[in-house]
Every structure is written in C-alpha cells, then in structure tokens.
Protein backbone atom coordinates (compact mmCIF):
# COMPACT_ATOMS: atom_id res chain seq x y z
CA MET A 1 -36.40 19.18 12.55
CA ALA A 2 -35.78 18.36 16.12
CA ASN A 3 -32.20 17.39 16.89
CA LEU A 4 -31.69 13.75 18.00
CA LYS A 5 -30.02 12.53 21.22
CA VAL A 6 -26.99 10.47 20.88
CA ASN A 7 -27.74 7.09 19.52
CA LEU A 8 -25.85 4.60 21.83
CA SER A 9 -26.64 1.52 19.55
CA MET A 10 -23.46 -0.67 19.27
CA THR A 11 -24.10 -1.57 15.62
CA LYS A 12 -24.78 0.37 12.46
CA ASN A 13 -28.18 0.96 10.90
CA GLU A 14 -28.26 -1.83 8.39
CA MET A 15 -28.00 -0.81 4.82
CA PRO A 16 -31.09 -1.77 2.74
CA GLU A 17 -30.09 -3.85 -0.39
CA GLN A 18 -31.48 -5.98 -3.11
CA ASP A 19 -32.05 -9.72 -2.27
CA ALA A 20 -29.10 -11.74 -3.44
CA ALA A 21 -31.30 -14.07 -5.44
CA VAL A 22 -32.76 -11.12 -7.38
CA ARG A 23 -29.81 -9.16 -8.00
CA THR A 24 -27.84 -11.82 -9.71
CA GLY A 25 -30.37 -11.42 -12.61
CA ASN A 26 -29.84 -7.74 -13.10
CA PHE A 27 -27.23 -4.93 -13.03
CA ASP A 28 -29.16 -2.59 -10.64
CA GLU A 29 -27.23 -1.11 -7.79
CA VAL A 30 -27.09 -3.75 -4.92
CA ALA A 31 -27.07 -1.25 -2.10
CA LEU A 32 -30.26 0.99 -1.89
CA GLY A 33 -29.13 3.51 0.48
CA TYR A 34 -30.50 4.95 3.84
CA SER A 35 -33.78 6.61 4.21
CA GLU A 36 -33.75 10.17 5.86
CA GLU A 37 -34.77 8.58 9.12
CA GLN A 38 -31.98 5.87 9.12
CA ALA A 39 -29.43 8.55 8.13
CA ARG A 40 -30.40 10.85 11.12
CA SER A 41 -30.19 7.90 13.32
CA GLU A 42 -26.75 6.62 12.06
CA ALA A 43 -25.29 10.04 12.32
CA ALA A 44 -26.59 10.32 15.91
CA ARG A 45 -24.13 7.62 16.80
CA CYS A 46 -21.41 10.09 16.32
CA LEU A 47 -20.04 11.02 19.67
CA ASP A 48 -18.38 14.44 18.33
CA CYS A 49 -15.16 13.61 19.66
CA ARG A 50 -12.89 16.64 20.31
CA ASN A 51 -10.02 15.62 18.29
CA ALA A 52 -11.99 13.91 15.51
CA PRO A 53 -9.63 10.92 14.85
CA CYS A 54 -11.88 9.90 11.83
CA ARG A 55 -10.50 12.82 9.97
CA SER A 56 -6.93 11.55 10.19
CA GLY A 57 -8.01 8.47 8.17
CA CYS A 58 -9.55 10.53 5.27
CA PRO A 59 -7.16 11.10 2.35
CA VAL A 60 -9.25 14.10 1.01
CA ALA A 61 -9.76 15.53 4.61
CA VAL A 62 -13.57 15.45 4.79
CA LYS A 63 -14.78 17.48 7.85
CA ILE A 64 -16.47 14.43 9.09
CA PRO A 65 -17.96 15.63 12.44
CA ARG A 66 -19.36 18.76 10.94
CA PHE A 67 -21.27 17.08 8.22
CA LEU A 68 -22.46 14.24 10.56
CA GLU A 69 -23.77 17.03 12.92
CA LYS A 70 -25.92 18.61 9.88
CA VAL A 71 -27.15 15.15 8.83
CA ARG A 72 -28.26 14.48 12.54
CA GLU A 73 -30.06 17.96 12.56
CA GLY A 74 -31.79 17.06 9.15
CA ASP A 75 -29.89 19.90 7.21
CA PHE A 76 -28.82 17.58 4.56
CA GLU A 77 -27.81 20.37 2.01
CA ALA A 78 -25.57 21.85 4.52
CA ALA A 79 -23.99 18.45 5.01
CA TYR A 80 -23.49 18.16 1.33
CA GLN A 81 -21.84 21.49 1.24
CA ILE A 82 -19.53 20.66 3.94
CA VAL A 83 -18.37 17.44 2.36
CA THR A 84 -17.92 18.96 -1.21
CA SER A 85 -15.77 21.82 0.26
CA THR A 86 -12.95 19.19 0.26
CA ASN A 87 -14.30 16.37 -1.86
CA SER A 88 -15.54 16.73 -5.38
CA LEU A 89 -16.88 13.18 -5.68
CA PRO A 90 -18.95 12.45 -2.71
CA ALA A 91 -21.46 9.95 -4.31
CA VAL A 92 -18.59 7.97 -5.65
CA CYS A 93 -16.60 7.93 -2.47
CA GLY A 94 -19.66 7.00 -0.35
CA ARG A 95 -19.98 3.76 -2.58
CA VAL A 96 -16.54 2.53 -3.21
CA CYS A 97 -14.09 3.88 -0.57
CA PRO A 98 -12.65 1.38 1.78
CA GLN A 99 -13.92 3.45 4.65
CA GLU A 100 -13.38 0.44 6.95
CA LYS A 101 -9.57 0.75 6.57
CA GLN A 102 -9.74 4.66 6.50
CA CYS A 103 -12.03 7.08 8.39
CA GLU A 104 -14.20 4.45 9.92
CA SER A 105 -11.04 2.58 11.30
CA LYS A 106 -10.23 5.62 13.39
CA CYS A 107 -13.76 6.05 14.82
CA VAL A 108 -13.97 5.78 18.67
CA ARG A 109 -17.32 3.81 18.44
CA GLY A 110 -15.36 1.05 16.71
CA ILE A 111 -13.49 0.16 19.82
CA LYS A 112 -16.31 -1.61 21.45
CA GLY A 113 -18.94 -1.87 18.63
CA GLU A 114 -19.23 -0.92 15.12
CA SER A 115 -18.03 2.56 13.73
CA VAL A 116 -20.13 5.10 12.57
CA GLY A 117 -21.17 4.48 8.94
CA ILE A 118 -19.59 7.49 7.57
CA GLY A 119 -19.23 6.06 4.10
CA ARG A 120 -23.03 5.27 4.04
CA LEU A 121 -23.81 8.88 5.13
CA GLU A 122 -21.48 10.44 2.60
CA ARG A 123 -23.39 8.56 -0.01
CA PHE A 124 -26.72 9.53 1.42
CA VAL A 125 -25.94 13.37 1.39
CA ALA A 126 -24.67 13.07 -2.03
CA ASP A 127 -27.76 11.19 -3.33
CA TRP A 128 -30.04 13.62 -1.33
CA HIS A 129 -28.42 16.72 -3.00
CA MET A 130 -28.87 15.11 -6.60
CA ALA A 131 -32.57 14.40 -5.88
CA ASN A 132 -33.60 17.49 -3.96
CA ALA A 133 -31.22 20.47 -4.79
CA LYS A 134 -32.34 23.13 -7.13
CA LYS A 135 -31.11 22.64 -10.56
CA GLY A 136 -30.08 26.17 -11.21
CA GLU A 137 -26.62 27.28 -12.70
CA VAL A 138 -23.46 26.71 -10.92
CA LYS A 139 -21.57 29.90 -10.42
CA ALA A 140 -17.92 29.30 -11.70
CA PRO A 141 -15.12 30.92 -9.78
CA ALA A 142 -13.53 34.13 -11.02
CA SER A 143 -10.67 33.23 -13.25
CA ASN A 144 -7.01 33.81 -12.30
CA GLY A 145 -5.82 33.78 -15.94
CA HIS A 146 -3.87 30.52 -15.88
CA ARG A 147 -4.24 27.42 -17.75
CA ILE A 148 -3.72 23.84 -16.53
CA ALA A 149 -3.81 20.60 -18.50
CA VAL A 150 -4.99 17.44 -16.66
CA ILE A 151 -4.40 14.05 -18.39
CA GLY A 152 -6.96 11.52 -17.46
CA SER A 153 -10.65 11.84 -16.21
CA GLY A 154 -10.34 9.24 -13.51
CA PRO A 155 -10.58 10.01 -9.60
CA ALA A 156 -7.03 11.58 -9.53
CA GLY A 157 -7.63 13.82 -12.57
CA LEU A 158 -11.18 14.79 -11.69
CA THR A 159 -10.17 15.67 -8.14
CA CYS A 160 -7.07 17.84 -9.28
CA ALA A 161 -9.19 19.55 -11.75
CA GLY A 162 -12.00 20.34 -9.35
CA ASP A 163 -9.61 21.76 -6.74
CA LEU A 164 -7.69 23.87 -9.27
CA CYS A 165 -11.09 25.21 -10.69
CA LYS A 166 -12.26 26.32 -7.34
CA LEU A 167 -8.84 28.36 -7.28
CA GLY A 168 -9.88 30.03 -10.44
CA TYR A 169 -7.65 28.02 -12.88
CA ASP A 170 -8.70 27.45 -16.53
CA VAL A 171 -8.59 23.65 -16.43
CA THR A 172 -8.81 21.33 -19.54
CA ILE A 173 -8.93 17.41 -18.86
CA PHE A 174 -7.77 15.23 -21.82
CA GLU A 175 -9.41 11.85 -21.76
CA ALA A 176 -8.54 8.93 -23.93
CA PHE A 177 -11.93 7.29 -23.84
CA HIS A 178 -15.14 8.48 -25.45
CA LYS A 179 -16.65 8.81 -22.03
CA SER A 180 -15.27 10.68 -18.94
CA GLY A 181 -14.61 9.03 -15.59
CA GLY A 182 -11.86 6.56 -16.10
CA VAL A 183 -11.86 3.51 -13.97
CA LEU A 184 -15.22 4.77 -12.49
CA VAL A 185 -16.80 4.07 -15.81
CA TYR A 186 -14.76 1.23 -17.36
CA GLY A 187 -13.81 -0.63 -14.15
CA ILE A 188 -16.33 -0.53 -11.51
CA PRO A 189 -19.68 -2.37 -12.30
CA GLN A 190 -22.92 -0.64 -12.54
CA PHE A 191 -24.39 -2.48 -9.68
CA ARG A 192 -21.71 -1.13 -7.39
CA LEU A 193 -21.26 2.43 -8.94
CA PRO A 194 -24.19 3.48 -11.18
CA LYS A 195 -22.80 5.22 -14.08
CA GLU A 196 -25.48 7.91 -13.79
CA ILE A 197 -23.90 8.89 -10.56
CA VAL A 198 -20.56 9.30 -12.15
CA ALA A 199 -21.95 11.40 -14.76
CA ALA A 200 -23.73 13.70 -12.48
CA GLU A 201 -20.55 14.19 -10.34
CA ILE A 202 -18.76 15.18 -13.55
CA ASP A 203 -21.49 17.47 -14.81
CA THR A 204 -21.13 19.34 -11.61
CA LEU A 205 -17.41 19.89 -12.18
CA VAL A 206 -18.11 21.02 -15.79
CA LYS A 207 -20.76 23.53 -14.53
CA GLN A 208 -18.00 24.95 -12.25
CA GLY A 209 -15.89 25.55 -15.43
CA VAL A 210 -13.76 22.36 -15.95
CA LYS A 211 -13.39 21.66 -19.65
CA ILE A 212 -13.16 17.99 -20.89
CA VAL A 213 -11.77 16.85 -24.26
CA ASN A 214 -12.47 13.12 -24.98
CA ASN A 215 -10.95 10.84 -27.53
CA ALA A 216 -7.59 12.60 -26.67
CA ILE A 217 -4.75 9.90 -26.34
CA ILE A 218 -1.86 11.68 -24.88
CA GLY A 219 1.31 10.36 -26.83
CA LYS A 220 -0.76 9.99 -29.90
CA SER A 221 -3.45 12.72 -30.31
CA ILE A 222 -1.25 15.23 -28.57
CA THR A 223 2.00 15.11 -26.58
CA VAL A 224 2.90 16.54 -23.16
CA ASP A 225 5.38 18.87 -25.08
CA GLU A 226 2.46 20.08 -27.26
CA LEU A 227 0.31 20.81 -24.47
CA PHE A 228 3.03 23.31 -23.28
CA LYS A 229 3.28 24.82 -26.66
CA GLU A 230 -0.52 25.37 -26.71
CA GLY A 231 -0.19 27.58 -23.62
CA PHE A 232 -0.77 25.29 -20.66
CA GLU A 233 1.48 26.32 -17.75
CA ALA A 234 1.56 22.99 -15.83
CA VAL A 235 0.36 19.47 -16.57
CA PHE A 236 -1.04 16.95 -14.15
CA ILE A 237 -0.86 13.30 -15.10
CA GLY A 238 -3.58 11.14 -13.87
CA SER A 239 -3.65 8.63 -16.54
CA GLY A 240 -4.18 5.60 -14.29
CA ALA A 241 -2.88 2.20 -14.66
CA GLY A 242 -4.78 0.53 -17.38
CA LEU A 243 -2.27 -2.18 -18.51
CA PRO A 244 -3.22 -5.63 -17.37
CA GLN A 245 -0.75 -8.06 -15.73
CA PHE A 246 -0.80 -11.60 -16.59
CA LEU A 247 0.39 -14.83 -14.85
CA HIS A 248 2.88 -15.98 -17.46
CA ILE A 249 1.76 -19.60 -17.46
CA PRO A 250 1.01 -21.96 -20.44
CA GLY A 251 -2.33 -21.53 -21.94
CA GLU A 252 -3.06 -17.80 -21.53
CA ASN A 253 -3.24 -17.40 -25.19
CA LEU A 254 -6.22 -19.75 -25.22
CA LEU A 255 -9.74 -18.73 -26.44
CA GLY A 256 -11.74 -17.85 -23.38
CA VAL A 257 -9.00 -16.24 -21.37
CA TYR A 258 -9.72 -12.62 -20.40
CA SER A 259 -8.04 -9.91 -18.63
CA ALA A 260 -10.29 -8.41 -15.90
CA ASN A 261 -9.89 -5.04 -17.78
CA GLU A 262 -11.26 -6.34 -20.94
CA LEU A 263 -14.17 -8.15 -19.33
CA LEU A 264 -15.09 -5.14 -17.14
CA THR A 265 -14.49 -2.47 -19.98
CA ARG A 266 -16.78 -4.55 -22.49
CA THR A 267 -19.38 -4.83 -19.61
CA ASN A 268 -19.28 -1.41 -18.07
CA LEU A 269 -18.19 1.12 -20.58
CA MET A 270 -19.44 -0.64 -23.53
CA LYS A 271 -22.77 -2.04 -22.16
CA ALA A 272 -22.11 -5.63 -23.23
CA TYR A 273 -24.97 -6.78 -20.84
CA ARG A 274 -27.55 -4.90 -22.63
CA ASP A 275 -29.54 -6.07 -25.62
CA ASP A 276 -29.61 -2.49 -27.08
CA TYR A 277 -25.82 -2.34 -27.32
CA ASP A 278 -24.03 -4.19 -30.13
CA THR A 279 -20.91 -5.13 -27.94
CA PRO A 280 -20.00 -8.89 -28.30
CA ILE A 281 -18.94 -10.88 -25.24
CA LYS A 282 -19.04 -14.61 -24.55
CA ARG A 283 -21.90 -15.96 -22.52
CA PHE A 284 -20.08 -17.98 -19.90
CA GLY A 285 -20.82 -21.35 -18.30
CA ARG A 286 -17.95 -22.10 -15.78
CA VAL A 287 -15.72 -19.17 -14.95
CA ALA A 288 -12.35 -19.02 -12.95
CA VAL A 289 -11.35 -15.75 -11.81
CA VAL A 290 -7.67 -15.73 -10.78
CA GLY A 291 -7.05 -13.07 -7.89
CA ALA A 292 -9.06 -11.90 -4.98
CA GLY A 293 -8.97 -8.19 -4.78
CA ASN A 294 -11.97 -5.80 -5.46
CA VAL A 295 -11.48 -6.08 -9.25
CA ALA A 296 -11.72 -9.92 -9.03
CA MET A 297 -14.81 -9.84 -6.90
CA ASP A 298 -16.31 -7.34 -9.71
CA ALA A 299 -15.23 -9.69 -12.51
CA ALA A 300 -16.76 -12.78 -10.69
CA ARG A 301 -20.16 -11.13 -9.93
CA VAL A 302 -20.17 -9.59 -13.39
CA SER A 303 -19.72 -13.17 -14.87
CA LYS A 304 -22.42 -14.38 -12.57
CA ARG A 305 -24.74 -11.71 -13.90
CA LEU A 306 -23.87 -12.63 -17.50
CA GLY A 307 -25.26 -16.08 -17.08
CA ALA A 308 -22.45 -18.20 -15.68
CA GLU A 309 -23.72 -21.39 -13.70
CA HIS A 310 -20.49 -21.49 -11.64
CA VAL A 311 -17.87 -18.83 -10.84
CA TYR A 312 -14.88 -19.40 -8.92
CA ILE A 313 -12.29 -17.31 -7.09
CA VAL A 314 -9.00 -18.87 -7.33
CA TYR A 315 -6.49 -17.33 -4.81
CA ARG A 316 -3.15 -18.73 -3.45
CA ARG A 317 -3.63 -17.42 -0.13
CA GLY A 318 -6.46 -18.02 2.67
CA ARG A 319 -9.40 -16.22 3.73
CA ASP A 320 -7.85 -14.03 6.23
CA GLU A 321 -5.59 -12.60 3.53
CA LEU A 322 -8.27 -11.67 0.99
CA PRO A 323 -7.32 -8.20 -0.16
CA ALA A 324 -10.79 -7.34 -1.32
CA ARG A 325 -13.13 -5.24 1.01
CA LYS A 326 -15.00 -7.47 3.46
CA GLU A 327 -18.42 -6.09 2.23
CA GLU A 328 -17.45 -7.23 -1.53
CA VAL A 329 -16.51 -10.60 -0.23
CA GLU A 330 -19.90 -10.91 1.46
CA HIS A 331 -21.57 -9.74 -1.37
CA ALA A 332 -19.99 -12.29 -3.81
CA GLU A 333 -20.53 -15.15 -1.31
CA ALA A 334 -24.18 -14.24 -0.93
CA GLU A 335 -24.50 -14.19 -4.92
CA GLY A 336 -23.14 -17.80 -5.08
CA ILE A 337 -19.38 -17.17 -5.82
CA GLU A 338 -17.31 -20.17 -4.92
CA PHE A 339 -14.04 -19.72 -3.33
CA GLN A 340 -11.21 -21.88 -4.21
CA LEU A 341 -8.55 -20.66 -1.58
CA LEU A 342 -4.98 -21.72 -1.12
CA ASN A 343 -4.71 -22.72 -4.80
CA ASN A 344 -2.28 -21.27 -7.31
CA PRO A 345 -2.82 -21.74 -11.07
CA CYS A 346 0.10 -23.28 -12.99
CA ALA A 347 -1.53 -23.90 -16.48
CA ILE A 348 -4.59 -23.24 -18.31
CA LEU A 349 -5.74 -26.21 -20.47
CA GLY A 350 -7.47 -26.32 -23.84
CA ASP A 351 -8.84 -28.54 -26.58
CA GLU A 352 -7.82 -29.10 -29.96
CA THR A 353 -9.85 -26.12 -31.10
CA GLY A 354 -7.87 -23.67 -28.74
CA HIS A 355 -10.66 -23.14 -26.33
CA VAL A 356 -10.24 -23.37 -22.61
CA THR A 357 -11.25 -26.63 -20.83
CA GLY A 358 -9.94 -26.07 -17.47
CA ILE A 359 -7.33 -24.53 -15.13
CA GLU A 360 -4.60 -26.60 -13.46
CA CYS A 361 -3.85 -25.48 -9.66
CA ILE A 362 -1.53 -26.63 -7.16
CA ARG A 363 -2.66 -26.55 -3.53
CA GLN A 364 -0.67 -24.17 -1.16
CA GLU A 365 -0.07 -23.89 2.52
CA LEU A 366 0.90 -20.62 4.28
CA GLY A 367 4.50 -20.04 5.30
CA GLU A 368 6.06 -16.88 6.69
CA PRO A 369 4.92 -13.50 6.24
CA ASP A 370 6.08 -11.49 3.14
CA ALA A 371 7.26 -7.88 2.90
CA LYS A 372 3.60 -6.64 3.16
CA GLY A 373 2.87 -8.81 6.30
CA ARG A 374 0.85 -11.38 4.37
CA ARG A 375 1.78 -14.99 4.84
CA SER A 376 3.63 -16.35 1.84
CA PRO A 377 1.98 -19.35 0.10
CA VAL A 378 4.10 -22.49 -0.35
CA ALA A 379 3.17 -24.98 -2.88
CA ILE A 380 2.30 -28.71 -1.71
CA PRO A 381 4.20 -31.02 -3.91
CA GLY A 382 2.23 -33.52 -5.96
CA SER A 383 -1.19 -31.67 -5.10
CA ASN A 384 -1.92 -30.70 -8.57
CA TRP A 385 -5.69 -30.76 -9.70
CA VAL A 386 -7.78 -29.43 -12.48
CA LEU A 387 -10.83 -27.10 -12.23
CA ASP A 388 -13.22 -27.63 -15.00
CA VAL A 389 -14.05 -24.34 -16.55
CA ASP A 390 -14.53 -22.76 -20.04
CA THR A 391 -13.34 -19.19 -19.28
CA VAL A 392 -10.46 -17.78 -17.18
CA VAL A 393 -10.32 -14.18 -15.91
CA ILE A 394 -6.90 -12.71 -14.86
CA ALA A 395 -7.46 -10.27 -12.26
CA ILE A 396 -4.07 -9.85 -10.46
CA GLY A 397 -3.43 -6.17 -10.94
CA THR A 398 -2.48 -3.57 -13.45
CA SER A 399 0.39 -1.30 -14.31
CA PRO A 400 0.72 2.08 -16.02
CA ASN A 401 0.35 2.29 -19.93
CA PRO A 402 3.84 2.92 -21.33
CA LEU A 403 2.52 5.44 -23.99
CA ILE A 404 3.27 8.57 -21.78
CA ARG A 405 6.61 7.12 -20.78
CA ASN A 406 7.55 6.41 -24.43
CA THR A 407 6.66 9.72 -25.68
CA THR A 408 7.55 12.30 -22.78
CA GLU A 409 11.05 13.58 -22.21
CA GLY A 410 12.38 14.49 -18.67
CA LEU A 411 10.29 12.22 -16.52
CA SER A 412 11.85 9.46 -14.36
CA PHE A 413 10.08 6.19 -13.96
CA THR A 414 9.86 3.24 -11.44
CA LYS A 415 10.88 -0.33 -12.42
CA LYS A 416 7.20 -1.07 -12.55
CA GLY A 417 6.54 1.75 -15.02
CA GLY A 418 5.01 4.29 -12.72
CA ILE A 419 6.03 8.07 -12.83
CA GLU A 420 8.28 9.02 -10.10
CA ALA A 421 6.76 11.73 -8.15
CA ASP A 422 7.04 13.11 -4.44
CA GLU A 423 4.15 13.37 -2.09
CA GLY A 424 3.05 16.46 -3.77
CA GLY A 425 3.01 15.01 -7.13
CA ARG A 426 6.15 16.82 -8.38
CA THR A 427 8.02 14.91 -11.04
CA SER A 428 11.54 15.22 -12.38
CA ARG A 429 10.29 17.66 -15.09
CA GLU A 430 9.46 21.22 -14.09
CA GLY A 431 5.82 22.00 -14.63
CA VAL A 432 4.78 18.46 -14.76
CA PHE A 433 2.92 16.72 -11.88
CA ALA A 434 1.53 13.27 -11.43
CA GLY A 435 -0.62 11.25 -9.12
CA GLY A 436 -2.76 8.28 -8.53
CA ASP A 437 -2.38 4.86 -10.31
CA ALA A 438 0.04 6.47 -12.94
CA VAL A 439 2.39 6.76 -10.09
CA THR A 440 1.49 3.92 -7.59
CA GLY A 441 0.14 1.21 -9.81
CA SER A 442 -3.48 0.07 -9.14
CA ALA A 443 -4.72 1.26 -5.71
CA THR A 444 -8.06 2.53 -4.45
CA VAL A 445 -10.19 5.38 -5.76
CA ILE A 446 -9.80 7.55 -2.63
CA LEU A 447 -6.00 7.32 -2.67
CA ALA A 448 -6.03 8.54 -6.25
CA MET A 449 -8.36 11.26 -5.13
CA GLY A 450 -5.74 12.15 -2.46
CA ALA A 451 -3.15 12.30 -4.84
CA GLY A 452 -4.98 14.54 -7.05
CA LYS A 453 -5.64 16.93 -4.18
CA ALA A 454 -2.00 17.00 -3.39
CA GLY A 455 -1.19 17.72 -7.07
CA ALA A 456 -3.55 20.63 -7.20
CA LYS A 457 -1.99 22.17 -4.14
CA SER A 458 1.45 21.78 -5.59
CA ILE A 459 0.45 23.21 -8.98
CA ASP A 460 -1.01 26.28 -7.25
CA GLU A 461 2.28 26.76 -5.23
CA TYR A 462 4.23 26.31 -8.55
CA ILE A 463 2.37 28.93 -10.50
CA LYS A 464 2.42 31.46 -7.63
CA SER A 465 6.21 30.96 -7.30
CA LYS A 466 6.67 31.76 -11.03
CA GLN A 467 4.91 34.97 -10.20
CA SER A 468 6.77 36.30 -7.32
C-alpha cells in the first residue's frame, strides 16, 4: 500500500457506533471500530514527534509512534506485533483505557485540536489481527526452569503472567471464578467489552505457555504458604478489589438494593440478560444508581437494557466533577440515562413488604476543593426530596477482599485493606509481590496492567538475585 501524507485534520476520524435508540435494546458492542481506510487516515494525523510525548502517558510503554507508522503504511500485522511487545491485552486496552487522560493527553495534536485516536487505533490493530492472522501454533519461549504463581486473572495478573512467560518462566494463574478475566468478564458489560475479545486475548497467553487454574480461591482452596510449599519461587497477588462499599444510610437492607458488583456480575459473567441462561435478576422499572464513575455508568446502562423505564444517576457533585470517562457519560446520556446531580442520598425508603419505594436525597452546593482537587459538596438545609424508584444500585467504589489478608502471614496492609507494596510490587514478605486494585483499591484497567508489568520486572530481578 502507498504511504499516506500527514493528515492535518483538527478532529479525529469519527468512530462508527450503533444508534442509541437501537442499542438500548441489545447487549451488542456500541462502538463498531474503524475500517482500514479510517484507521490509516487517523494514523496519518500523527506528526511523528521526535520526543514522542504520548509514550510518557502510557502505563505499559506502548511504542506508539512506531505502531502508528505501520498502520499508516497499511502493515497492520507489524503494528500489532509492535503493540504486543509491551502490551498483552491490546484489544482490551483499546476499548476501556482512559486514553484521554493518558497517552492522548500528551499528544501534540491535542494542543490546537483533537489528539490522535491512539486508543481507537490500538483496538483496530488488535481486532484486525484476530480476524486476519494465521491461526497456527504460538511458539512458547524456552523455559528457564523457574515457577511463579499469580493470584487473579484480571488485568494485573494477566499482564504479569504474560510478561514473565515471555522471559521463560513457568507461570500458573489461580483464579477464584469459573471463568478467567477478573473484572474484564464480571465487571465491564458486553456492550463495552465483548467477552469473546477477552477470551481471545487470554487464549493467546495460554498458547504462549501461561497455565490457568479456575475455581481456586486463595485463602480457602489453597493458601499463599501452600503455593510456596508446592515449589513456586515467587507469588504475585493481583486479586483485585471485589468487596463493594456501601453508603451506611437507613434502608440499605431493603429488597431492591444492589451493589453494582452484584448487578454487573449477574449480568456480565452469569448472562442474566439472556433467556438461555438460568440466572435470576429483577426486571426493573425505575432505577437510581448512586455514584458517577465508569462502574456507575455501566450499571445505569445495563439497567436500561434490562428494561428499566427510567434510570437516574444520583451524584453529590456537579457535571464538571463527574469521574467517569467523557465518552461513557455521553453514551449514557444518548441512551436516556437521567442525571440528578448535586444530590446526596440520605435514606432509602420502603413499603410494608420491605421493597424499595424511593430514595431520599438532600440537595448540595459546591464548596472548597477537597484533597483531590474536587470541590466538596455541602448540603443545603431543608432541601430534602424523594426520588420515586423501585431499585437502588450502589456504585461508590470497592475495596480488596479480606480473605488473603486473613490467611497470609508476613504482609502489611493499608487502613483501607490494600496490600502495602512499593512501585515495583515488592511487599513486606520476601518472594511475595502485589499490584493493581489489590494494592490501590479500585482503579483503571491500564493502571492495573502497569502494576502487573512492574511486578513481573521485580520478580525477574528477585529470581536472578537468588541465583547470583
């Protein structure tokens, strides 16, 4: 293919997507992806900056200008190989990473216009590879004779395992669920991240030599101590943060109150939305989702697809403070999600049968910024009112499950239950490393992947130090 000249357009090539009126009636992926022509045109917007500032914003150090150059040339397989030299989950990252706050935020094109659509192009090359690459066997790296255990098959665990496997380690992932993928399969809806994509990315790692043991709950099925006794020389804990947080207000024990974790797990992992799966779930009428992060947007959009007539986002701050990605907010609004901003829930109301009938809120105004720079909400006295709903979904964050904390000696933990670890994932116990949400609490997929890469590097250094 002929190379393209630099595309000086100030805006990205628009991403094709399902019409909002249609997609609320299905769980198919909303964004449809670039065509080859659109991808090459978008890649041609890259100025190939000498210092490549975009790379500094990528937690997994993707060689962005190099892979964009190959896309521009039409050599999509070469682009894929460049991306996967540092990123084991490109199809996932291309869909769910907050690129606008990371690599794309550093793009020079974003100074006077829109940045290059790096995330969209990463997704494109991954999807192109899945559709067009030869399905031959993947050659596993030569073994170095060392065994490593990874706890959790979410983004941190998969990344750590993938990087170690490339270095020749014999890696086994222990996953609590019956399916691998962690939050990628139980937390993120099908319409945002198809599970077939996750399965394909994991299958690539398995073909490279990574072993996965499902239905293995560390702390019950097997302990960290027992992993060492079985011959593993190091352990990486990437068990995530699956324990939901609640509001601690009256009425949270009423029928019709869900954590976002329960709603999304039943829907995503257990396929409650499909008639051929026997997973019970309530069919909603009017739903209030408390919170405004990406998980809250997912819960609201899932509720809409499950048939709710009205779905409300209830959040105590204003629009400028919404923590969810701009794209997710726009998609939610287009799908008819209603935003009740500057409102803080103070009670969940119910009837004599114990079912939810409404959520009492008190209106807020914004005061001074808090420690994170967000303006703190202040209640307006006497402004209480009731939102008529039959279901309330709490989506205000998660924390690490205490099972590993209660069954593992020698680890230090934060006040919020996270494992204490340095930037390389090293913990207070020799041979045990940790990263991702198990350390930080709930965060983004790409930050967890970055922690998995750091953990793999530290484990490699640790094993080599024991040999010297």
